[in-house]
Amino acid sequence: MNELMTLHERITTYVKLLQRHADRWWYTSFIGLLAAADNLVVVVPTDGILVSSSMLRPQRWFWFALSIAIGSTLGALVLAGLVEFHGLPWILNYFPGIDQTNMWQWTEKFFDEYGLIVVFAVAATPLMQQPTLILASLANTPLVKLAIVVFIGRLIKFLIMAYIGSHAPKLLSRLWGIKSDLKDAGVEIKS
């Protein structure tokens, strides 16, 4: 448990350090790169970074959302491409036990029935998208189709979150699924 607290504390510290530079020209691109990395390392509080950045620099909310949506889509493509190339054993080595999670079970069931609609739904929500991307890739979904669906879903999600963060931050306390990311980013919303 101490290691998790240490990781959580380190993430919070790094995010606060990063946020000091929210007015720099390179910041928007950098948070997009972090969003791409989140698909591979799963510890980047992308939602929290987006919301806190939009709160710090409300005039840039649109660009923050667009950058993170692009980064998240590129990261999704990298993950899908790696899965396509290396297969399920590689994923199980990289994400041990992911195929035993409830999210994996749910995604597998719905992906079999609904395909890319599930990818879109997961991309547009705070749900972890890696299981969906992995299953879509294992099902040989064309990367172009996957990229379009992920980008549209992520763009909608991030535009809504960034807009709320920049215009009505108190509404964030009502959004399901992003409270831990907000906490990691050092954002505390008081009702």
N, C-alpha and C. Protein backbone atom coordinates (compact mmCIF):
# COMPACT_ATOMS: atom_id res chain seq x y z
N MET A 1 0.83 -1.20 0.00
CA MET A 1 0.00 0.00 0.00
C MET A 1 0.87 1.26 0.00
N ASN A 2 2.00 1.21 0.70
CA ASN A 2 2.91 2.36 0.73
C ASN A 2 3.41 2.70 -0.67
N GLU A 3 3.68 1.65 -1.48
CA GLU A 3 4.14 1.92 -2.84
C GLU A 3 3.07 2.64 -3.64
N LEU A 4 1.80 2.26 -3.46
CA LEU A 4 0.72 2.95 -4.15
C LEU A 4 0.60 4.39 -3.69
N MET A 5 0.69 4.60 -2.41
CA MET A 5 0.64 5.98 -1.90
C MET A 5 1.82 6.77 -2.46
N THR A 6 2.97 6.16 -2.49
CA THR A 6 4.14 6.84 -3.03
C THR A 6 3.92 7.18 -4.50
N LEU A 7 3.37 6.25 -5.26
CA LEU A 7 3.08 6.52 -6.67
C LEU A 7 2.05 7.64 -6.80
N HIS A 8 0.99 7.55 -6.02
CA HIS A 8 -0.05 8.59 -6.04
C HIS A 8 0.56 9.96 -5.67
N GLU A 9 1.36 9.99 -4.64
CA GLU A 9 1.99 11.25 -4.23
C GLU A 9 2.91 11.78 -5.31
N ARG A 10 3.67 10.89 -5.94
CA ARG A 10 4.57 11.33 -7.01
C ARG A 10 3.78 11.89 -8.19
N ILE A 11 2.72 11.21 -8.57
CA ILE A 11 1.89 11.69 -9.69
C ILE A 11 1.35 13.07 -9.37
N THR A 12 0.80 13.24 -8.16
CA THR A 12 0.25 14.53 -7.76
C THR A 12 1.32 15.61 -7.79
N THR A 13 2.50 15.29 -7.30
CA THR A 13 3.60 16.26 -7.29
C THR A 13 3.99 16.66 -8.71
N TYR A 14 4.12 15.67 -9.60
CA TYR A 14 4.51 15.97 -10.98
C TYR A 14 3.43 16.76 -11.71
N VAL A 15 2.17 16.44 -11.46
CA VAL A 15 1.08 17.18 -12.11
C VAL A 15 1.09 18.63 -11.63
N LYS A 16 1.28 18.85 -10.34
CA LYS A 16 1.33 20.23 -9.83
C LYS A 16 2.52 20.99 -10.42
N LEU A 17 3.64 20.32 -10.56
CA LEU A 17 4.82 20.94 -11.18
C LEU A 17 4.52 21.28 -12.64
N LEU A 18 3.89 20.36 -13.35
CA LEU A 18 3.52 20.58 -14.74
C LEU A 18 2.57 21.77 -14.88
N GLN A 19 1.60 21.87 -13.98
CA GLN A 19 0.59 22.91 -14.08
C GLN A 19 1.16 24.32 -13.92
N ARG A 20 2.32 24.43 -13.34
CA ARG A 20 2.97 25.74 -13.23
C ARG A 20 3.31 26.31 -14.60
N HIS A 21 3.32 25.44 -15.60
CA HIS A 21 3.73 25.84 -16.95
C HIS A 21 2.55 25.89 -17.92
N ALA A 22 1.33 25.95 -17.39
CA ALA A 22 0.13 25.91 -18.24
C ALA A 22 0.05 27.06 -19.23
N ASP A 23 0.81 28.11 -19.00
CA ASP A 23 0.76 29.25 -19.92
C ASP A 23 1.87 29.21 -20.98
N ARG A 24 2.69 28.17 -20.97
CA ARG A 24 3.79 28.06 -21.93
C ARG A 24 3.28 27.55 -23.28
N TRP A 25 4.01 27.88 -24.34
CA TRP A 25 3.62 27.51 -25.70
C TRP A 25 3.64 25.99 -25.90
N TRP A 26 4.49 25.29 -25.21
CA TRP A 26 4.66 23.85 -25.40
C TRP A 26 3.71 23.01 -24.55
N TYR A 27 3.03 23.61 -23.62
CA TYR A 27 2.21 22.88 -22.65
C TYR A 27 1.10 22.05 -23.31
N THR A 28 0.40 22.64 -24.26
CA THR A 28 -0.71 21.95 -24.92
C THR A 28 -0.22 20.68 -25.61
N SER A 29 0.89 20.75 -26.31
CA SER A 29 1.44 19.57 -26.98
C SER A 29 1.92 18.53 -25.96
N PHE A 30 2.51 19.01 -24.89
CA PHE A 30 3.03 18.09 -23.88
C PHE A 30 1.91 17.29 -23.21
N ILE A 31 0.80 17.95 -22.89
CA ILE A 31 -0.29 17.18 -22.27
C ILE A 31 -0.92 16.22 -23.27
N GLY A 32 -0.84 16.55 -24.56
CA GLY A 32 -1.27 15.60 -25.59
C GLY A 32 -0.39 14.36 -25.60
N LEU A 33 0.92 14.55 -25.44
CA LEU A 33 1.85 13.42 -25.36
C LEU A 33 1.58 12.58 -24.11
N LEU A 34 1.26 13.23 -23.01
CA LEU A 34 0.92 12.50 -21.79
C LEU A 34 -0.33 11.65 -22.00
N ALA A 35 -1.30 12.20 -22.73
CA ALA A 35 -2.52 11.45 -23.02
C ALA A 35 -2.21 10.23 -23.88
N ALA A 36 -1.27 10.37 -24.81
CA ALA A 36 -0.85 9.21 -25.62
C ALA A 36 -0.19 8.16 -24.74
N ALA A 37 0.68 8.60 -23.85
CA ALA A 37 1.38 7.66 -22.96
C ALA A 37 0.42 6.95 -22.02
N ASP A 38 -0.67 7.61 -21.66
CA ASP A 38 -1.63 7.01 -20.73
C ASP A 38 -2.20 5.70 -21.25
N ASN A 39 -2.28 5.53 -22.55
CA ASN A 39 -2.78 4.26 -23.10
C ASN A 39 -1.81 3.12 -22.88
N LEU A 40 -0.56 3.44 -22.60
CA LEU A 40 0.46 2.41 -22.42
C LEU A 40 0.86 2.22 -20.96
N VAL A 41 0.85 3.28 -20.17
CA VAL A 41 1.30 3.16 -18.78
C VAL A 41 0.17 3.24 -17.77
N VAL A 42 -0.98 3.71 -18.14
CA VAL A 42 -2.22 3.73 -17.36
C VAL A 42 -2.08 4.40 -15.99
N VAL A 43 -1.22 5.37 -15.83
CA VAL A 43 -1.14 6.08 -14.56
C VAL A 43 -1.21 7.60 -14.73
N VAL A 44 -1.40 8.06 -15.94
CA VAL A 44 -1.47 9.49 -16.18
C VAL A 44 -2.91 9.95 -15.95
N PRO A 45 -3.12 10.87 -15.01
CA PRO A 45 -4.50 11.34 -14.75
C PRO A 45 -4.94 12.35 -15.80
N THR A 46 -5.16 11.87 -17.01
CA THR A 46 -5.47 12.72 -18.16
C THR A 46 -6.68 13.62 -17.90
N ASP A 47 -7.75 13.04 -17.36
CA ASP A 47 -8.96 13.82 -17.12
C ASP A 47 -8.67 14.95 -16.13
N GLY A 48 -7.95 14.63 -15.08
CA GLY A 48 -7.62 15.64 -14.07
C GLY A 48 -6.71 16.74 -14.62
N ILE A 49 -5.74 16.34 -15.43
CA ILE A 49 -4.85 17.33 -16.04
C ILE A 49 -5.64 18.26 -16.95
N LEU A 50 -6.56 17.69 -17.74
CA LEU A 50 -7.37 18.50 -18.64
C LEU A 50 -8.23 19.50 -17.87
N VAL A 51 -8.93 19.00 -16.86
CA VAL A 51 -9.83 19.86 -16.11
C VAL A 51 -9.05 20.95 -15.37
N SER A 52 -7.97 20.56 -14.70
CA SER A 52 -7.20 21.56 -13.95
C SER A 52 -6.55 22.57 -14.89
N SER A 53 -6.09 22.12 -16.05
CA SER A 53 -5.51 23.05 -17.03
C SER A 53 -6.56 24.03 -17.52
N SER A 54 -7.77 23.52 -17.76
CA SER A 54 -8.87 24.39 -18.22
C SER A 54 -9.29 25.38 -17.15
N MET A 55 -9.17 24.97 -15.89
CA MET A 55 -9.48 25.89 -14.80
C MET A 55 -8.40 26.96 -14.68
N LEU A 56 -7.14 26.57 -14.89
CA LEU A 56 -6.03 27.52 -14.77
C LEU A 56 -6.00 28.51 -15.94
N ARG A 57 -6.28 28.02 -17.13
CA ARG A 57 -6.25 28.84 -18.35
C ARG A 57 -7.54 28.65 -19.12
N PRO A 58 -8.65 29.24 -18.63
CA PRO A 58 -9.96 28.99 -19.26
C PRO A 58 -10.03 29.38 -20.73
N GLN A 59 -9.24 30.35 -21.16
CA GLN A 59 -9.29 30.78 -22.55
C GLN A 59 -8.71 29.74 -23.50
N ARG A 60 -8.00 28.74 -22.97
CA ARG A 60 -7.38 27.72 -23.82
C ARG A 60 -8.09 26.37 -23.72
N TRP A 61 -9.26 26.29 -23.14
CA TRP A 61 -9.94 25.02 -22.89
C TRP A 61 -10.10 24.18 -24.16
N PHE A 62 -10.46 24.83 -25.25
CA PHE A 62 -10.68 24.09 -26.50
C PHE A 62 -9.38 23.42 -26.97
N TRP A 63 -8.28 24.14 -26.93
CA TRP A 63 -7.00 23.61 -27.41
C TRP A 63 -6.49 22.49 -26.51
N PHE A 64 -6.73 22.61 -25.21
CA PHE A 64 -6.35 21.54 -24.29
C PHE A 64 -7.14 20.27 -24.64
N ALA A 65 -8.45 20.42 -24.83
CA ALA A 65 -9.30 19.26 -25.14
C ALA A 65 -8.88 18.62 -26.47
N LEU A 66 -8.65 19.44 -27.48
CA LEU A 66 -8.25 18.93 -28.79
C LEU A 66 -6.92 18.19 -28.71
N SER A 67 -5.95 18.77 -28.02
CA SER A 67 -4.64 18.15 -27.89
C SER A 67 -4.71 16.81 -27.17
N ILE A 68 -5.46 16.75 -26.10
CA ILE A 68 -5.57 15.50 -25.36
C ILE A 68 -6.35 14.46 -26.16
N ALA A 69 -7.35 14.88 -26.91
CA ALA A 69 -8.09 13.94 -27.77
C ALA A 69 -7.17 13.37 -28.86
N ILE A 70 -6.37 14.21 -29.47
CA ILE A 70 -5.42 13.74 -30.49
C ILE A 70 -4.40 12.81 -29.86
N GLY A 71 -3.83 13.22 -28.72
CA GLY A 71 -2.84 12.38 -28.04
C GLY A 71 -3.41 11.04 -27.63
N SER A 72 -4.61 11.06 -27.08
CA SER A 72 -5.26 9.82 -26.65
C SER A 72 -5.52 8.90 -27.84
N THR A 73 -5.90 9.47 -28.96
CA THR A 73 -6.13 8.68 -30.17
C THR A 73 -4.83 8.08 -30.69
N LEU A 74 -3.76 8.88 -30.70
CA LEU A 74 -2.47 8.35 -31.15
C LEU A 74 -1.99 7.23 -30.24
N GLY A 75 -2.15 7.41 -28.93
CA GLY A 75 -1.78 6.36 -27.98
C GLY A 75 -2.61 5.10 -28.19
N ALA A 76 -3.89 5.28 -28.49
CA ALA A 76 -4.77 4.14 -28.77
C ALA A 76 -4.30 3.39 -30.01
N LEU A 77 -3.88 4.13 -31.03
CA LEU A 77 -3.38 3.49 -32.25
C LEU A 77 -2.09 2.73 -32.01
N VAL A 78 -1.21 3.31 -31.20
CA VAL A 78 0.03 2.61 -30.87
C VAL A 78 -0.28 1.30 -30.13
N LEU A 79 -1.15 1.38 -29.14
CA LEU A 79 -1.53 0.18 -28.40
C LEU A 79 -2.17 -0.85 -29.33
N ALA A 80 -3.11 -0.43 -30.16
CA ALA A 80 -3.79 -1.35 -31.08
C ALA A 80 -2.79 -1.97 -32.06
N GLY A 81 -1.87 -1.16 -32.56
CA GLY A 81 -0.86 -1.67 -33.48
C GLY A 81 0.06 -2.70 -32.82
N LEU A 82 0.45 -2.42 -31.58
CA LEU A 82 1.30 -3.37 -30.85
C LEU A 82 0.56 -4.68 -30.59
N VAL A 83 -0.71 -4.58 -30.24
CA VAL A 83 -1.50 -5.79 -30.00
C VAL A 83 -1.66 -6.57 -31.31
N GLU A 84 -1.92 -5.86 -32.38
CA GLU A 84 -2.08 -6.52 -33.67
C GLU A 84 -0.81 -7.26 -34.06
N PHE A 85 0.32 -6.66 -33.78
CA PHE A 85 1.61 -7.24 -34.15
C PHE A 85 2.02 -8.38 -33.22
N HIS A 86 1.85 -8.19 -31.90
CA HIS A 86 2.37 -9.15 -30.92
C HIS A 86 1.33 -10.14 -30.39
N GLY A 87 0.05 -9.80 -30.45
CA GLY A 87 -1.00 -10.72 -30.01
C GLY A 87 -1.29 -10.65 -28.51
N LEU A 88 -2.24 -11.47 -28.10
CA LEU A 88 -2.71 -11.48 -26.71
C LEU A 88 -1.64 -11.85 -25.69
N PRO A 89 -0.75 -12.81 -25.95
CA PRO A 89 0.26 -13.14 -24.93
C PRO A 89 1.11 -11.92 -24.54
N TRP A 90 1.42 -11.08 -25.50
CA TRP A 90 2.21 -9.88 -25.20
C TRP A 90 1.44 -8.95 -24.27
N ILE A 91 0.13 -8.79 -24.55
CA ILE A 91 -0.71 -7.94 -23.72
C ILE A 91 -0.77 -8.48 -22.30
N LEU A 92 -0.94 -9.79 -22.16
CA LEU A 92 -1.02 -10.37 -20.82
C LEU A 92 0.30 -10.22 -20.07
N ASN A 93 1.39 -10.16 -20.79
CA ASN A 93 2.68 -9.90 -20.16
C ASN A 93 2.77 -8.42 -19.74
N TYR A 94 2.25 -7.54 -20.58
CA TYR A 94 2.32 -6.10 -20.34
C TYR A 94 1.29 -5.64 -19.31
N PHE A 95 0.07 -6.18 -19.39
CA PHE A 95 -1.01 -5.87 -18.45
C PHE A 95 -1.45 -7.18 -17.78
N PRO A 96 -0.67 -7.70 -16.84
CA PRO A 96 -1.02 -8.99 -16.23
C PRO A 96 -2.41 -8.96 -15.61
N GLY A 97 -3.20 -9.97 -15.93
CA GLY A 97 -4.52 -10.12 -15.34
C GLY A 97 -5.60 -9.26 -15.95
N ILE A 98 -5.29 -8.49 -16.99
CA ILE A 98 -6.31 -7.60 -17.57
C ILE A 98 -7.48 -8.41 -18.12
N ASP A 99 -7.20 -9.62 -18.58
CA ASP A 99 -8.27 -10.44 -19.14
C ASP A 99 -9.17 -11.04 -18.05
N GLN A 100 -8.83 -10.82 -16.79
CA GLN A 100 -9.64 -11.31 -15.68
C GLN A 100 -10.47 -10.20 -15.03
N THR A 101 -10.32 -8.96 -15.50
CA THR A 101 -11.03 -7.85 -14.88
C THR A 101 -12.49 -7.80 -15.34
N ASN A 102 -13.31 -7.18 -14.52
CA ASN A 102 -14.72 -7.00 -14.88
C ASN A 102 -14.85 -6.18 -16.16
N MET A 103 -13.99 -5.17 -16.29
CA MET A 103 -14.04 -4.31 -17.48
C MET A 103 -13.77 -5.13 -18.74
N TRP A 104 -12.80 -6.06 -18.67
CA TRP A 104 -12.49 -6.93 -19.81
C TRP A 104 -13.70 -7.80 -20.15
N GLN A 105 -14.30 -8.42 -19.14
CA GLN A 105 -15.45 -9.30 -19.35
C GLN A 105 -16.61 -8.53 -19.99
N TRP A 106 -16.89 -7.35 -19.44
CA TRP A 106 -17.97 -6.51 -19.96
C TRP A 106 -17.69 -6.11 -21.40
N THR A 107 -16.46 -5.67 -21.64
CA THR A 107 -16.08 -5.21 -22.98
C THR A 107 -16.17 -6.34 -23.99
N GLU A 108 -15.68 -7.51 -23.61
CA GLU A 108 -15.70 -8.65 -24.53
C GLU A 108 -17.13 -9.02 -24.92
N LYS A 109 -18.00 -9.05 -23.95
CA LYS A 109 -19.41 -9.39 -24.21
C LYS A 109 -20.05 -8.37 -25.17
N PHE A 110 -19.88 -7.08 -24.84
CA PHE A 110 -20.51 -6.06 -25.66
C PHE A 110 -19.82 -5.85 -27.00
N PHE A 111 -18.50 -6.04 -27.03
CA PHE A 111 -17.80 -5.87 -28.31
C PHE A 111 -18.26 -6.94 -29.30
N ASP A 112 -18.46 -8.16 -28.80
CA ASP A 112 -18.95 -9.22 -29.68
C ASP A 112 -20.31 -8.86 -30.29
N GLU A 113 -21.13 -8.17 -29.51
CA GLU A 113 -22.47 -7.82 -29.98
C GLU A 113 -22.53 -6.52 -30.77
N TYR A 114 -21.75 -5.52 -30.36
CA TYR A 114 -21.93 -4.18 -30.92
C TYR A 114 -20.70 -3.60 -31.62
N GLY A 115 -19.55 -4.21 -31.52
CA GLY A 115 -18.36 -3.77 -32.24
C GLY A 115 -17.91 -2.35 -31.93
N LEU A 116 -17.80 -1.54 -32.97
CA LEU A 116 -17.25 -0.20 -32.84
C LEU A 116 -18.13 0.76 -32.02
N ILE A 117 -19.39 0.43 -31.86
CA ILE A 117 -20.26 1.25 -31.01
C ILE A 117 -19.74 1.22 -29.58
N VAL A 118 -19.26 0.05 -29.14
CA VAL A 118 -18.70 -0.07 -27.79
C VAL A 118 -17.42 0.75 -27.68
N VAL A 119 -16.58 0.70 -28.71
CA VAL A 119 -15.35 1.49 -28.71
C VAL A 119 -15.69 2.97 -28.56
N PHE A 120 -16.68 3.44 -29.32
CA PHE A 120 -17.10 4.83 -29.22
C PHE A 120 -17.62 5.15 -27.82
N ALA A 121 -18.50 4.29 -27.29
CA ALA A 121 -19.09 4.54 -25.97
C ALA A 121 -18.02 4.61 -24.89
N VAL A 122 -17.07 3.71 -24.93
CA VAL A 122 -16.00 3.72 -23.93
C VAL A 122 -15.10 4.95 -24.12
N ALA A 123 -14.81 5.30 -25.36
CA ALA A 123 -13.97 6.48 -25.62
C ALA A 123 -14.63 7.76 -25.13
N ALA A 124 -15.94 7.80 -25.16
CA ALA A 124 -16.67 9.02 -24.76
C ALA A 124 -16.96 9.08 -23.26
N THR A 125 -16.54 8.08 -22.52
CA THR A 125 -16.80 8.04 -21.07
C THR A 125 -15.49 7.94 -20.30
N PRO A 126 -15.57 8.04 -18.98
CA PRO A 126 -14.35 7.90 -18.16
C PRO A 126 -13.87 6.46 -17.98
N LEU A 127 -14.53 5.50 -18.62
CA LEU A 127 -14.10 4.11 -18.50
C LEU A 127 -12.71 3.91 -19.08
N MET A 128 -11.98 2.94 -18.54
CA MET A 128 -10.66 2.59 -19.05
C MET A 128 -10.83 2.02 -20.46
N GLN A 129 -10.14 2.59 -21.44
CA GLN A 129 -10.37 2.18 -22.82
C GLN A 129 -9.43 1.09 -23.31
N GLN A 130 -8.40 0.73 -22.55
CA GLN A 130 -7.43 -0.25 -23.01
C GLN A 130 -8.06 -1.61 -23.34
N PRO A 131 -8.93 -2.17 -22.47
CA PRO A 131 -9.52 -3.47 -22.84
C PRO A 131 -10.30 -3.42 -24.16
N THR A 132 -11.01 -2.34 -24.38
CA THR A 132 -11.78 -2.19 -25.62
C THR A 132 -10.84 -2.12 -26.83
N LEU A 133 -9.78 -1.35 -26.69
CA LEU A 133 -8.81 -1.22 -27.79
C LEU A 133 -8.15 -2.55 -28.10
N ILE A 134 -7.81 -3.27 -27.04
CA ILE A 134 -7.16 -4.57 -27.22
C ILE A 134 -8.09 -5.54 -27.94
N LEU A 135 -9.34 -5.59 -27.49
CA LEU A 135 -10.29 -6.50 -28.14
C LEU A 135 -10.56 -6.08 -29.59
N ALA A 136 -10.67 -4.80 -29.83
CA ALA A 136 -10.88 -4.33 -31.20
C ALA A 136 -9.70 -4.71 -32.09
N SER A 137 -8.52 -4.60 -31.55
CA SER A 137 -7.33 -4.96 -32.31
C SER A 137 -7.25 -6.46 -32.55
N LEU A 138 -7.56 -7.24 -31.51
CA LEU A 138 -7.56 -8.71 -31.67
C LEU A 138 -8.62 -9.17 -32.67
N ALA A 139 -9.68 -8.37 -32.81
CA ALA A 139 -10.75 -8.68 -33.78
C ALA A 139 -10.40 -8.16 -35.17
N ASN A 140 -9.15 -7.69 -35.35
CA ASN A 140 -8.67 -7.19 -36.65
C ASN A 140 -9.47 -6.01 -37.18
N THR A 141 -9.90 -5.14 -36.28
CA THR A 141 -10.57 -3.92 -36.68
C THR A 141 -9.56 -3.03 -37.41
N PRO A 142 -9.88 -2.53 -38.58
CA PRO A 142 -8.95 -1.65 -39.29
C PRO A 142 -8.56 -0.45 -38.42
N LEU A 143 -7.27 -0.15 -38.39
CA LEU A 143 -6.77 0.92 -37.53
C LEU A 143 -7.37 2.28 -37.88
N VAL A 144 -7.66 2.52 -39.15
CA VAL A 144 -8.25 3.80 -39.55
C VAL A 144 -9.64 3.95 -38.93
N LYS A 145 -10.46 2.91 -39.02
CA LYS A 145 -11.79 2.96 -38.41
C LYS A 145 -11.68 3.15 -36.90
N LEU A 146 -10.78 2.41 -36.29
CA LEU A 146 -10.58 2.51 -34.85
C LEU A 146 -10.17 3.93 -34.46
N ALA A 147 -9.25 4.51 -35.23
CA ALA A 147 -8.79 5.88 -34.94
C ALA A 147 -9.93 6.89 -35.04
N ILE A 148 -10.75 6.77 -36.05
CA ILE A 148 -11.87 7.71 -36.23
C ILE A 148 -12.85 7.61 -35.08
N VAL A 149 -13.21 6.39 -34.71
CA VAL A 149 -14.17 6.19 -33.63
C VAL A 149 -13.62 6.68 -32.30
N VAL A 150 -12.37 6.34 -32.00
CA VAL A 150 -11.75 6.78 -30.74
C VAL A 150 -11.65 8.30 -30.71
N PHE A 151 -11.20 8.90 -31.81
CA PHE A 151 -11.05 10.35 -31.83
C PHE A 151 -12.38 11.07 -31.60
N ILE A 152 -13.42 10.65 -32.27
CA ILE A 152 -14.72 11.31 -32.10
C ILE A 152 -15.20 11.17 -30.65
N GLY A 153 -15.11 9.95 -30.11
CA GLY A 153 -15.54 9.73 -28.73
C GLY A 153 -14.72 10.54 -27.74
N ARG A 154 -13.40 10.51 -27.89
CA ARG A 154 -12.52 11.25 -26.98
C ARG A 154 -12.72 12.76 -27.12
N LEU A 155 -12.89 13.24 -28.34
CA LEU A 155 -13.08 14.67 -28.54
C LEU A 155 -14.35 15.15 -27.84
N ILE A 156 -15.43 14.41 -27.99
CA ILE A 156 -16.68 14.78 -27.32
C ILE A 156 -16.48 14.82 -25.81
N LYS A 157 -15.89 13.75 -25.28
CA LYS A 157 -15.65 13.67 -23.83
C LYS A 157 -14.80 14.84 -23.35
N PHE A 158 -13.67 15.05 -24.00
CA PHE A 158 -12.74 16.07 -23.53
C PHE A 158 -13.24 17.49 -23.75
N LEU A 159 -14.00 17.73 -24.81
CA LEU A 159 -14.59 19.06 -24.99
C LEU A 159 -15.58 19.38 -23.87
N ILE A 160 -16.40 18.41 -23.52
CA ILE A 160 -17.36 18.63 -22.44
C ILE A 160 -16.62 18.88 -21.12
N MET A 161 -15.64 18.05 -20.81
CA MET A 161 -14.92 18.21 -19.55
C MET A 161 -14.16 19.53 -19.48
N ALA A 162 -13.48 19.89 -20.57
CA ALA A 162 -12.71 21.13 -20.57
C ALA A 162 -13.64 22.34 -20.48
N TYR A 163 -14.76 22.28 -21.18
CA TYR A 163 -15.71 23.40 -21.11
C TYR A 163 -16.23 23.57 -19.69
N ILE A 164 -16.62 22.47 -19.08
CA ILE A 164 -17.12 22.55 -17.71
C ILE A 164 -16.02 23.05 -16.77
N GLY A 165 -14.80 22.55 -16.95
CA GLY A 165 -13.68 22.99 -16.12
C GLY A 165 -13.40 24.48 -16.25
N SER A 166 -13.60 25.02 -17.44
CA SER A 166 -13.31 26.43 -17.65
C SER A 166 -14.49 27.35 -17.37
N HIS A 167 -15.71 26.83 -17.45
CA HIS A 167 -16.89 27.69 -17.31
C HIS A 167 -17.75 27.42 -16.07
N ALA A 168 -17.77 26.18 -15.60
CA ALA A 168 -18.64 25.84 -14.47
C ALA A 168 -18.02 24.72 -13.63
N PRO A 169 -16.88 24.98 -13.00
CA PRO A 169 -16.15 23.91 -12.31
C PRO A 169 -16.93 23.18 -11.22
N LYS A 170 -17.92 23.83 -10.62
CA LYS A 170 -18.68 23.14 -9.56
C LYS A 170 -19.48 21.96 -10.10
N LEU A 171 -19.79 21.96 -11.39
CA LEU A 171 -20.50 20.83 -11.99
C LEU A 171 -19.65 19.56 -12.00
N LEU A 172 -18.33 19.72 -11.92
CA LEU A 172 -17.44 18.58 -11.97
C LEU A 172 -17.68 17.59 -10.84
N SER A 173 -18.13 18.07 -9.70
CA SER A 173 -18.37 17.17 -8.57
C SER A 173 -19.49 16.18 -8.88
N ARG A 174 -20.28 16.47 -9.90
CA ARG A 174 -21.39 15.59 -10.28
C ARG A 174 -21.03 14.62 -11.40
N LEU A 175 -19.87 14.81 -12.03
CA LEU A 175 -19.49 13.93 -13.13
C LEU A 175 -18.98 12.61 -12.59
N TRP A 176 -19.55 11.55 -13.08
CA TRP A 176 -19.19 10.21 -12.65
C TRP A 176 -17.86 9.80 -13.27
N GLY A 177 -17.01 9.15 -12.48
CA GLY A 177 -15.82 8.52 -13.02
C GLY A 177 -14.55 9.33 -13.12
N ILE A 178 -14.56 10.60 -12.77
CA ILE A 178 -13.32 11.37 -12.93
C ILE A 178 -12.78 11.89 -11.61
N LYS A 179 -13.43 11.56 -10.50
CA LYS A 179 -13.00 12.11 -9.21
C LYS A 179 -11.58 11.71 -8.83
N SER A 180 -11.16 10.47 -9.11
CA SER A 180 -9.80 10.07 -8.76
C SER A 180 -8.77 10.80 -9.62
N ASP A 181 -9.07 11.01 -10.91
CA ASP A 181 -8.17 11.77 -11.77
C ASP A 181 -8.06 13.22 -11.30
N LEU A 182 -9.19 13.79 -10.89
CA LEU A 182 -9.16 15.16 -10.38
C LEU A 182 -8.32 15.24 -9.11
N LYS A 183 -8.46 14.26 -8.25
CA LYS A 183 -7.68 14.23 -7.00
C LYS A 183 -6.19 14.11 -7.32
N ASP A 184 -5.85 13.25 -8.28
CA ASP A 184 -4.44 13.09 -8.68
C ASP A 184 -3.87 14.39 -9.24
N ALA A 185 -4.72 15.17 -9.86
CA ALA A 185 -4.27 16.44 -10.44
C ALA A 185 -4.31 17.59 -9.43
N GLY A 186 -4.73 17.27 -8.22
CA GLY A 186 -4.77 18.31 -7.18
C GLY A 186 -5.98 19.19 -7.24
N VAL A 187 -7.05 18.74 -7.90
CA VAL A 187 -8.27 19.53 -8.01
C VAL A 187 -9.25 19.04 -6.97
N GLU A 188 -9.69 19.95 -6.11
CA GLU A 188 -10.70 19.63 -5.12
C GLU A 188 -11.90 20.49 -5.37
N ILE A 189 -13.02 19.86 -5.66
CA ILE A 189 -14.25 20.58 -5.96
C ILE A 189 -15.13 20.54 -4.72
N LYS A 190 -15.48 21.70 -4.22
CA LYS A 190 -16.37 21.79 -3.07
C LYS A 190 -17.78 22.06 -3.55
N SER A 191 -18.70 21.21 -3.12
CA SER A 191 -20.09 21.34 -3.57
C SER A 191 -20.76 22.58 -3.00
